[in-house]
Amino acid sequence: MREGETGQWIDCTSRGSAGVSITGNLWNIEKLTFKTDARYIIVVEKDTVFQRLVQDRLFNEIPCILITAKGFPDLATSM
């Protein structure tokens, strides 16, 4: 992942169980560039489950991107 045209590439798998935080600001998300061979995006609601999957390095076994909201439901779910 990198931010902007001139930003440095970040290897998200090298950041440990904390991963890489991505902003919720839609204007800033437009500036991000991703390079991946993932075939799946897995959204995990519970942060503990997410931490375990990262610890087990699931993304090395299954070509996927793991995403969590750290236990917070999306806006539509919480209303």
PDB file of N, CA and C in Angstrom:
ATOM      1  N   MET A   1       0.851  -1.155   0.000  1.00  0.00           N
ATOM      2  CA  MET A   1       0.000   0.000   0.000  1.00  0.00           C
ATOM      3  C   MET A   1       0.905   1.229   0.000  1.00  0.00           C
ATOM      4  N   ARG A   2       0.449   2.268  -0.667  1.00  0.00           N
ATOM      5  CA  ARG A   2       1.164   3.543  -0.567  1.00  0.00           C
ATOM      6  C   ARG A   2       0.155   4.679  -0.651  1.00  0.00           C
ATOM      7  N   GLU A   3       0.541   5.797  -0.062  1.00  0.00           N
ATOM      8  CA  GLU A   3      -0.319   6.976  -0.075  1.00  0.00           C
ATOM      9  C   GLU A   3       0.231   7.970  -1.081  1.00  0.00           C
ATOM     10  N   GLY A   4      -0.606   8.333  -2.044  1.00  0.00           N
ATOM     11  CA  GLY A   4      -0.201   9.297  -3.059  1.00  0.00           C
ATOM     12  C   GLY A   4       0.698   8.676  -4.114  1.00  0.00           C
ATOM     13  N   GLU A   5       1.064   9.490  -5.073  1.00  0.00           N
ATOM     14  CA  GLU A   5       1.897   9.022  -6.188  1.00  0.00           C
ATOM     15  C   GLU A   5       3.347   8.813  -5.780  1.00  0.00           C
ATOM     16  N   THR A   6       3.817   9.573  -4.798  1.00  0.00           N
ATOM     17  CA  THR A   6       5.238   9.537  -4.450  1.00  0.00           C
ATOM     18  C   THR A   6       5.520   8.882  -3.107  1.00  0.00           C
ATOM     19  N   GLY A   7       4.497   8.402  -2.425  1.00  0.00           N
ATOM     20  CA  GLY A   7       4.697   7.783  -1.118  1.00  0.00           C
ATOM     21  C   GLY A   7       5.459   6.471  -1.211  1.00  0.00           C
ATOM     22  N   GLN A   8       6.059   6.069  -0.101  1.00  0.00           N
ATOM     23  CA  GLN A   8       6.781   4.800  -0.060  1.00  0.00           C
ATOM     24  C   GLN A   8       5.797   3.649   0.049  1.00  0.00           C
ATOM     25  N   TRP A   9       6.140   2.515  -0.560  1.00  0.00           N
ATOM     26  CA  TRP A   9       5.313   1.320  -0.443  1.00  0.00           C
ATOM     27  C   TRP A   9       5.453   0.749   0.957  1.00  0.00           C
ATOM     28  N   ILE A  10       4.337   0.325   1.549  1.00  0.00           N
ATOM     29  CA  ILE A  10       4.304  -0.277   2.883  1.00  0.00           C
ATOM     30  C   ILE A  10       3.865  -1.724   2.732  1.00  0.00           C
ATOM     31  N   ASP A  11       4.655  -2.656   3.279  1.00  0.00           N
ATOM     32  CA  ASP A  11       4.278  -4.068   3.289  1.00  0.00           C
ATOM     33  C   ASP A  11       3.398  -4.291   4.515  1.00  0.00           C
ATOM     34  N   CYS A  12       2.101  -4.399   4.315  1.00  0.00           N
ATOM     35  CA  CYS A  12       1.150  -4.523   5.426  1.00  0.00           C
ATOM     36  C   CYS A  12       1.347  -5.811   6.217  1.00  0.00           C
ATOM     37  N   THR A  13       1.926  -6.843   5.612  1.00  0.00           N
ATOM     38  CA  THR A  13       2.137  -8.108   6.322  1.00  0.00           C
ATOM     39  C   THR A  13       3.313  -8.037   7.282  1.00  0.00           C
ATOM     40  N   SER A  14       4.131  -7.012   7.180  1.00  0.00           N
ATOM     41  CA  SER A  14       5.303  -6.903   8.051  1.00  0.00           C
ATOM     42  C   SER A  14       5.029  -6.061   9.295  1.00  0.00           C
ATOM     43  N   ARG A  15       3.805  -5.638   9.492  1.00  0.00           N
ATOM     44  CA  ARG A  15       3.465  -4.743  10.602  1.00  0.00           C
ATOM     45  C   ARG A  15       2.995  -5.465  11.856  1.00  0.00           C
ATOM     46  N   GLY A  16       3.075  -6.779  11.900  1.00  0.00           N
ATOM     47  CA  GLY A  16       2.661  -7.525  13.080  1.00  0.00           C
ATOM     48  C   GLY A  16       1.151  -7.595  13.202  1.00  0.00           C
ATOM     49  N   SER A  17       0.690  -7.971  14.393  1.00  0.00           N
ATOM     50  CA  SER A  17      -0.748  -8.191  14.587  1.00  0.00           C
ATOM     51  C   SER A  17      -1.555  -6.898  14.587  1.00  0.00           C
ATOM     52  N   ALA A  18      -0.895  -5.760  14.745  1.00  0.00           N
ATOM     53  CA  ALA A  18      -1.615  -4.481  14.717  1.00  0.00           C
ATOM     54  C   ALA A  18      -2.041  -4.122  13.298  1.00  0.00           C
ATOM     55  N   GLY A  19      -1.340  -4.650  12.310  1.00  0.00           N
ATOM     56  CA  GLY A  19      -1.676  -4.345  10.923  1.00  0.00           C
ATOM     57  C   GLY A  19      -1.407  -2.895  10.585  1.00  0.00           C
ATOM     58  N   VAL A  20      -2.108  -2.408   9.599  1.00  0.00           N
ATOM     59  CA  VAL A  20      -1.974  -1.023   9.154  1.00  0.00           C
ATOM     60  C   VAL A  20      -3.342  -0.373   9.236  1.00  0.00           C
ATOM     61  N   SER A  21      -3.416   0.740   9.932  1.00  0.00           N
ATOM     62  CA  SER A  21      -4.674   1.458  10.071  1.00  0.00           C
ATOM     63  C   SER A  21      -4.937   2.284   8.811  1.00  0.00           C
ATOM     64  N   ILE A  22      -6.152   2.159   8.290  1.00  0.00           N
ATOM     65  CA  ILE A  22      -6.552   2.924   7.109  1.00  0.00           C
ATOM     66  C   ILE A  22      -7.601   3.937   7.542  1.00  0.00           C
ATOM     67  N   THR A  23      -7.426   5.153   7.128  1.00  0.00           N
ATOM     68  CA  THR A  23      -8.322   6.239   7.513  1.00  0.00           C
ATOM     69  C   THR A  23      -9.770   5.977   7.084  1.00  0.00           C
ATOM     70  N   GLY A  24     -10.692   6.529   7.829  1.00  0.00           N
ATOM     71  CA  GLY A  24     -12.099   6.455   7.462  1.00  0.00           C
ATOM     72  C   GLY A  24     -12.526   7.627   6.588  1.00  0.00           C
ATOM     73  N   ASN A  25     -11.619   8.563   6.373  1.00  0.00           N
ATOM     74  CA  ASN A  25     -11.900   9.737   5.551  1.00  0.00           C
ATOM     75  C   ASN A  25     -11.884   9.335   4.073  1.00  0.00           C
ATOM     76  N   LEU A  26     -13.045   9.415   3.422  1.00  0.00           N
ATOM     77  CA  LEU A  26     -13.156   8.968   2.036  1.00  0.00           C
ATOM     78  C   LEU A  26     -12.248   9.733   1.085  1.00  0.00           C
ATOM     79  N   TRP A  27     -11.983  10.997   1.358  1.00  0.00           N
ATOM     80  CA  TRP A  27     -11.106  11.789   0.483  1.00  0.00           C
ATOM     81  C   TRP A  27      -9.680  11.267   0.554  1.00  0.00           C
ATOM     82  N   ASN A  28      -9.251  10.822   1.735  1.00  0.00           N
ATOM     83  CA  ASN A  28      -7.895  10.287   1.873  1.00  0.00           C
ATOM     84  C   ASN A  28      -7.780   8.875   1.312  1.00  0.00           C
ATOM     85  N   ILE A  29      -8.859   8.096   1.379  1.00  0.00           N
ATOM     86  CA  ILE A  29      -8.831   6.737   0.840  1.00  0.00           C
ATOM     87  C   ILE A  29      -8.580   6.768  -0.666  1.00  0.00           C
ATOM     88  N   GLU A  30      -9.102   7.785  -1.332  1.00  0.00           N
ATOM     89  CA  GLU A  30      -8.885   7.918  -2.781  1.00  0.00           C
ATOM     90  C   GLU A  30      -7.409   8.020  -3.141  1.00  0.00           C
ATOM     91  N   LYS A  31      -6.587   8.478  -2.206  1.00  0.00           N
ATOM     92  CA  LYS A  31      -5.164   8.673  -2.469  1.00  0.00           C
ATOM     93  C   LYS A  31      -4.344   7.400  -2.270  1.00  0.00           C
ATOM     94  N   LEU A  32      -4.961   6.342  -1.741  1.00  0.00           N
ATOM     95  CA  LEU A  32      -4.231   5.107  -1.470  1.00  0.00           C
ATOM     96  C   LEU A  32      -4.151   4.231  -2.715  1.00  0.00           C
ATOM     97  N   THR A  33      -3.011   3.582  -2.877  1.00  0.00           N
ATOM     98  CA  THR A  33      -2.802   2.624  -3.960  1.00  0.00           C
ATOM     99  C   THR A  33      -2.445   1.286  -3.328  1.00  0.00           C
ATOM    100  N   PHE A  34      -3.074   0.225  -3.823  1.00  0.00           N
ATOM    101  CA  PHE A  34      -2.816  -1.111  -3.292  1.00  0.00           C
ATOM    102  C   PHE A  34      -2.268  -2.007  -4.391  1.00  0.00           C
ATOM    103  N   LYS A  35      -1.322  -2.852  -4.019  1.00  0.00           N
ATOM    104  CA  LYS A  35      -0.762  -3.842  -4.933  1.00  0.00           C
ATOM    105  C   LYS A  35      -0.840  -5.183  -4.205  1.00  0.00           C
ATOM    106  N   THR A  36      -1.635  -6.118  -4.739  1.00  0.00           N
ATOM    107  CA  THR A  36      -1.849  -7.376  -4.035  1.00  0.00           C
ATOM    108  C   THR A  36      -2.155  -8.509  -5.005  1.00  0.00           C
ATOM    109  N   ASP A  37      -1.917  -9.722  -4.532  1.00  0.00           N
ATOM    110  CA  ASP A  37      -2.325 -10.903  -5.288  1.00  0.00           C
ATOM    111  C   ASP A  37      -3.488 -11.602  -4.582  1.00  0.00           C
ATOM    112  N   ALA A  38      -4.116 -10.903  -3.649  1.00  0.00           N
ATOM    113  CA  ALA A  38      -5.242 -11.465  -2.885  1.00  0.00           C
ATOM    114  C   ALA A  38      -6.415 -11.785  -3.802  1.00  0.00           C
ATOM    115  N   ARG A  39      -7.089 -12.885  -3.482  1.00  0.00           N
ATOM    116  CA  ARG A  39      -8.287 -13.271  -4.231  1.00  0.00           C
ATOM    117  C   ARG A  39      -9.543 -13.015  -3.413  1.00  0.00           C
ATOM    118  N   TYR A  40      -9.365 -12.795  -2.101  1.00  0.00           N
ATOM    119  CA  TYR A  40     -10.507 -12.617  -1.204  1.00  0.00           C
ATOM    120  C   TYR A  40     -10.247 -11.451  -0.265  1.00  0.00           C
ATOM    121  N   ILE A  41     -11.328 -10.808   0.155  1.00  0.00           N
ATOM    122  CA  ILE A  41     -11.280  -9.824   1.236  1.00  0.00           C
ATOM    123  C   ILE A  41     -12.155 -10.389   2.339  1.00  0.00           C
ATOM    124  N   ILE A  42     -11.558 -10.613   3.504  1.00  0.00           N
ATOM    125  CA  ILE A  42     -12.285 -11.196   4.629  1.00  0.00           C
ATOM    126  C   ILE A  42     -12.470 -10.113   5.684  1.00  0.00           C
ATOM    127  N   VAL A  43     -13.721  -9.792   5.988  1.00  0.00           N
ATOM    128  CA  VAL A  43     -14.046  -8.791   6.997  1.00  0.00           C
ATOM    129  C   VAL A  43     -14.405  -9.530   8.276  1.00  0.00           C
ATOM    130  N   VAL A  44     -13.643  -9.269   9.340  1.00  0.00           N
ATOM    131  CA  VAL A  44     -13.820  -9.952  10.617  1.00  0.00           C
ATOM    132  C   VAL A  44     -14.361  -8.943  11.619  1.00  0.00           C
ATOM    133  N   GLU A  45     -15.534  -9.235  12.199  1.00  0.00           N
ATOM    134  CA  GLU A  45     -16.152  -8.282  13.121  1.00  0.00           C
ATOM    135  C   GLU A  45     -15.411  -8.208  14.451  1.00  0.00           C
ATOM    136  N   LYS A  46     -15.070  -9.342  15.015  1.00  0.00           N
ATOM    137  CA  LYS A  46     -14.443  -9.375  16.341  1.00  0.00           C
ATOM    138  C   LYS A  46     -12.933  -9.197  16.231  1.00  0.00           C
ATOM    139  N   ASP A  47     -12.406  -8.247  16.988  1.00  0.00           N
ATOM    140  CA  ASP A  47     -10.978  -7.953  16.924  1.00  0.00           C
ATOM    141  C   ASP A  47     -10.135  -9.124  17.413  1.00  0.00           C
ATOM    142  N   THR A  48     -10.617  -9.865  18.416  1.00  0.00           N
ATOM    143  CA  THR A  48      -9.839 -11.010  18.918  1.00  0.00           C
ATOM    144  C   THR A  48      -9.683 -12.079  17.846  1.00  0.00           C
ATOM    145  N   VAL A  49     -10.730 -12.317  17.082  1.00  0.00           N
ATOM    146  CA  VAL A  49     -10.652 -13.289  15.987  1.00  0.00           C
ATOM    147  C   VAL A  49      -9.688 -12.768  14.917  1.00  0.00           C
ATOM    148  N   PHE A  50      -9.778 -11.480  14.613  1.00  0.00           N
ATOM    149  CA  PHE A  50      -8.866 -10.867  13.645  1.00  0.00           C
ATOM    150  C   PHE A  50      -7.414 -11.041  14.087  1.00  0.00           C
ATOM    151  N   GLN A  51      -7.138 -10.727  15.360  1.00  0.00           N
ATOM    152  CA  GLN A  51      -5.773 -10.850  15.889  1.00  0.00           C
ATOM    153  C   GLN A  51      -5.253 -12.276  15.750  1.00  0.00           C
ATOM    154  N   ARG A  52      -6.110 -13.251  16.021  1.00  0.00           N
ATOM    155  CA  ARG A  52      -5.707 -14.656  15.918  1.00  0.00           C
ATOM    156  C   ARG A  52      -5.395 -15.035  14.468  1.00  0.00           C
ATOM    157  N   LEU A  53      -6.231 -14.592  13.536  1.00  0.00           N
ATOM    158  CA  LEU A  53      -5.999 -14.901  12.123  1.00  0.00           C
ATOM    159  C   LEU A  53      -4.701 -14.269  11.619  1.00  0.00           C
ATOM    160  N   VAL A  54      -4.408 -13.062  12.093  1.00  0.00           N
ATOM    161  CA  VAL A  54      -3.150 -12.404  11.720  1.00  0.00           C
ATOM    162  C   VAL A  54      -1.975 -13.142  12.348  1.00  0.00           C
ATOM    163  N   GLN A  55      -2.115 -13.510  13.625  1.00  0.00           N
ATOM    164  CA  GLN A  55      -1.056 -14.250  14.321  1.00  0.00           C
ATOM    165  C   GLN A  55      -0.755 -15.567  13.600  1.00  0.00           C
ATOM    166  N   ASP A  56      -1.801 -16.231  13.133  1.00  0.00           N
ATOM    167  CA  ASP A  56      -1.640 -17.485  12.386  1.00  0.00           C
ATOM    168  C   ASP A  56      -1.223 -17.248  10.934  1.00  0.00           C
ATOM    169  N   ARG A  57      -1.160 -15.975  10.529  1.00  0.00           N
ATOM    170  CA  ARG A  57      -0.771 -15.563   9.179  1.00  0.00           C
ATOM    171  C   ARG A  57      -1.618 -16.262   8.113  1.00  0.00           C
ATOM    172  N   LEU A  58      -2.931 -16.187   8.313  1.00  0.00           N
ATOM    173  CA  LEU A  58      -3.883 -16.787   7.386  1.00  0.00           C
ATOM    174  C   LEU A  58      -3.634 -16.339   5.950  1.00  0.00           C
ATOM    175  N   PHE A  59      -3.218 -15.087   5.785  1.00  0.00           N
ATOM    176  CA  PHE A  59      -2.993 -14.532   4.451  1.00  0.00           C
ATOM    177  C   PHE A  59      -1.860 -15.234   3.703  1.00  0.00           C
ATOM    178  N   ASN A  60      -1.022 -15.998   4.408  1.00  0.00           N
ATOM    179  CA  ASN A  60       0.001 -16.799   3.729  1.00  0.00           C
ATOM    180  C   ASN A  60      -0.570 -18.114   3.202  1.00  0.00           C
ATOM    181  N   GLU A  61      -1.647 -18.585   3.824  1.00  0.00           N
ATOM    182  CA  GLU A  61      -2.289 -19.838   3.421  1.00  0.00           C
ATOM    183  C   GLU A  61      -3.367 -19.607   2.362  1.00  0.00           C
ATOM    184  N   ILE A  62      -4.113 -18.534   2.543  1.00  0.00           N
ATOM    185  CA  ILE A  62      -5.199 -18.172   1.628  1.00  0.00           C
ATOM    186  C   ILE A  62      -4.887 -16.770   1.104  1.00  0.00           C
ATOM    187  N   PRO A  63      -4.865 -16.562  -0.199  1.00  0.00           N
ATOM    188  CA  PRO A  63      -4.550 -15.228  -0.721  1.00  0.00           C
ATOM    189  C   PRO A  63      -5.680 -14.243  -0.401  1.00  0.00           C
ATOM    190  N   CYS A  64      -5.561 -13.572   0.748  1.00  0.00           N
ATOM    191  CA  CYS A  64      -6.656 -12.712   1.209  1.00  0.00           C
ATOM    192  C   CYS A  64      -6.132 -11.454   1.878  1.00  0.00           C
ATOM    193  N   ILE A  65      -7.047 -10.507   2.035  1.00  0.00           N
ATOM    194  CA  ILE A  65      -6.824  -9.292   2.810  1.00  0.00           C
ATOM    195  C   ILE A  65      -7.758  -9.387   4.002  1.00  0.00           C
ATOM    196  N   LEU A  66      -7.212  -9.242   5.204  1.00  0.00           N
ATOM    197  CA  LEU A  66      -8.026  -9.277   6.420  1.00  0.00           C
ATOM    198  C   LEU A  66      -8.336  -7.850   6.845  1.00  0.00           C
ATOM    199  N   ILE A  67      -9.604  -7.605   7.159  1.00  0.00           N
ATOM    200  CA  ILE A  67     -10.048  -6.280   7.588  1.00  0.00           C
ATOM    201  C   ILE A  67     -10.873  -6.432   8.855  1.00  0.00           C
ATOM    202  N   THR A  68     -10.689  -5.518   9.801  1.00  0.00           N
ATOM    203  CA  THR A  68     -11.526  -5.487  10.998  1.00  0.00           C
ATOM    204  C   THR A  68     -11.877  -4.046  11.339  1.00  0.00           C
ATOM    205  N   ALA A  69     -13.026  -3.888  11.997  1.00  0.00           N
ATOM    206  CA  ALA A  69     -13.416  -2.580  12.527  1.00  0.00           C
ATOM    207  C   ALA A  69     -13.183  -2.561  14.032  1.00  0.00           C
ATOM    208  N   LYS A  70     -12.400  -3.516  14.521  1.00  0.00           N
ATOM    209  CA  LYS A  70     -12.021  -3.634  15.933  1.00  0.00           C
ATOM    210  C   LYS A  70     -13.227  -3.736  16.851  1.00  0.00           C
ATOM    211  N   GLY A  71     -14.216  -4.498  16.431  1.00  0.00           N
ATOM    212  CA  GLY A  71     -15.377  -4.745  17.279  1.00  0.00           C
ATOM    213  C   GLY A  71     -16.495  -3.734  17.145  1.00  0.00           C
ATOM    214  N   PHE A  72     -16.291  -2.687  16.354  1.00  0.00           N
ATOM    215  CA  PHE A  72     -17.334  -1.680  16.173  1.00  0.00           C
ATOM    216  C   PHE A  72     -18.187  -2.040  14.962  1.00  0.00           C
ATOM    217  N   PRO A  73     -19.516  -2.100  15.126  1.00  0.00           N
ATOM    218  CA  PRO A  73     -20.375  -2.406  13.978  1.00  0.00           C
ATOM    219  C   PRO A  73     -20.423  -1.219  13.019  1.00  0.00           C
ATOM    220  N   ASP A  74     -20.788  -1.497  11.766  1.00  0.00           N
ATOM    221  CA  ASP A  74     -20.926  -0.399  10.814  1.00  0.00           C
ATOM    222  C   ASP A  74     -22.134   0.458  11.185  1.00  0.00           C
ATOM    223  N   LEU A  75     -22.248   1.606  10.596  1.00  0.00           N
ATOM    224  CA  LEU A  75     -23.306   2.556  10.934  1.00  0.00           C
ATOM    225  C   LEU A  75     -24.691   1.961  10.717  1.00  0.00           C
ATOM    226  N   ALA A  76     -24.898   1.245   9.620  1.00  0.00           N
ATOM    227  CA  ALA A  76     -26.214   0.667   9.329  1.00  0.00           C
ATOM    228  C   ALA A  76     -26.608  -0.374  10.376  1.00  0.00           C
ATOM    229  N   THR A  77     -25.647  -1.139  10.879  1.00  0.00           N
ATOM    230  CA  THR A  77     -25.931  -2.163  11.886  1.00  0.00           C
ATOM    231  C   THR A  77     -26.269  -1.537  13.232  1.00  0.00           C
ATOM    232  N   SER A  78     -25.604  -0.454  13.581  1.00  0.00           N
ATOM    233  CA  SER A  78     -25.797   0.141  14.905  1.00  0.00           C
ATOM    234  C   SER A  78     -27.038   1.022  14.997  1.00  0.00           C
ATOM    235  N   MET A  79     -27.738   1.265  13.890  1.00  0.00           N
ATOM    236  CA  MET A  79     -28.927   2.127  13.936  1.00  0.00           C
ATOM    237  C   MET A  79     -30.184   1.324  14.069  1.00  0.00           C
TER     238      MET A  79
END
